[in-house]
Amino acid sequence: MTTLAFDDHGVDVVYEGTEFRLERDLIEEATEKPYHEVTDHDVLKIVAKQPTLRGEPRQIGDIID
């Protein structure tokens, strides 16, 4: 299971029992999108090779508002 916790500066991730942080700049570079337009699904695709994507993607800007 993967857990994502979003804030204005990046995402705290727990992936297969390992905790780490993806900084905002890294996410923007990897997705080639402004941070608030990146979706939770985009972040899952950075973290996992074959993520299980459920539900509609939500933009980070909507999540942290």
Protein backbone atom coordinates (compact mmCIF):
# COMPACT_ATOMS: atom_id res chain seq x y z
CA MET A 1 0.00 0.00 0.00
CA THR A 2 1.17 3.53 -0.80
CA THR A 3 0.30 6.55 1.33
CA LEU A 4 0.68 10.12 0.11
CA ALA A 5 0.50 13.26 2.29
CA PHE A 6 0.56 16.52 0.34
CA ASP A 7 1.60 20.02 1.41
CA ASP A 8 2.76 23.19 -0.38
CA HIS A 9 6.40 22.03 -0.43
CA GLY A 10 6.11 18.41 -1.52
CA VAL A 11 4.73 14.99 -0.73
CA ASP A 12 5.49 12.63 2.14
CA VAL A 13 5.33 9.08 0.82
CA VAL A 14 5.14 5.66 2.47
CA TYR A 15 5.78 3.01 -0.17
CA GLU A 16 6.15 -0.67 0.73
CA GLY A 17 7.06 0.32 4.30
CA THR A 18 9.66 2.92 3.29
CA GLU A 19 9.06 6.57 4.16
CA PHE A 20 10.52 9.36 2.03
CA ARG A 21 9.73 12.83 0.74
CA LEU A 22 9.35 14.06 -2.84
CA GLU A 23 10.12 17.77 -2.99
CA ARG A 24 7.98 20.13 -5.05
CA ASP A 25 10.78 20.92 -7.54
CA LEU A 26 11.42 17.23 -8.22
CA ILE A 27 7.72 16.58 -8.85
CA GLU A 28 7.45 19.54 -11.23
CA GLU A 29 10.54 18.41 -13.12
CA ALA A 30 9.37 14.79 -13.39
CA THR A 31 5.85 15.67 -14.56
CA GLU A 32 6.68 18.84 -16.52
CA LYS A 33 3.65 20.52 -14.86
CA PRO A 34 3.21 23.25 -12.26
CA TYR A 35 3.00 21.63 -8.80
CA HIS A 36 -0.66 22.52 -8.12
CA GLU A 37 -1.71 21.00 -11.49
CA VAL A 38 0.00 17.65 -10.80
CA THR A 39 -2.46 14.90 -9.80
CA ASP A 40 -2.24 12.26 -7.12
CA HIS A 41 -2.11 9.72 -9.96
CA ASP A 42 0.94 11.52 -11.44
CA VAL A 43 2.73 11.22 -8.09
CA LEU A 44 1.83 7.52 -7.79
CA LYS A 45 3.35 6.97 -11.25
CA ILE A 46 6.61 8.53 -10.03
CA VAL A 47 6.67 6.29 -6.96
CA ALA A 48 5.58 2.90 -8.32
CA LYS A 49 6.33 1.11 -11.59
CA GLN A 50 2.79 -0.22 -11.95
CA PRO A 51 0.59 1.73 -9.54
CA THR A 52 -3.00 0.81 -8.83
CA LEU A 53 -4.93 3.92 -9.80
CA ARG A 54 -8.37 4.16 -8.25
CA GLY A 55 -11.00 6.83 -8.61
CA GLU A 56 -10.67 10.11 -10.42
CA PRO A 57 -7.29 11.87 -10.35
CA ARG A 58 -7.21 14.92 -8.06
CA GLN A 59 -4.93 17.90 -8.55
CA ILE A 60 -2.60 18.74 -5.68
CA GLY A 61 -4.00 22.28 -5.67
CA ASP A 62 -7.44 20.88 -4.85
CA ILE A 63 -6.11 18.46 -2.24
CA ILE A 64 -4.20 21.02 -0.17
CA ASP A 65 -6.85 23.78 -0.32
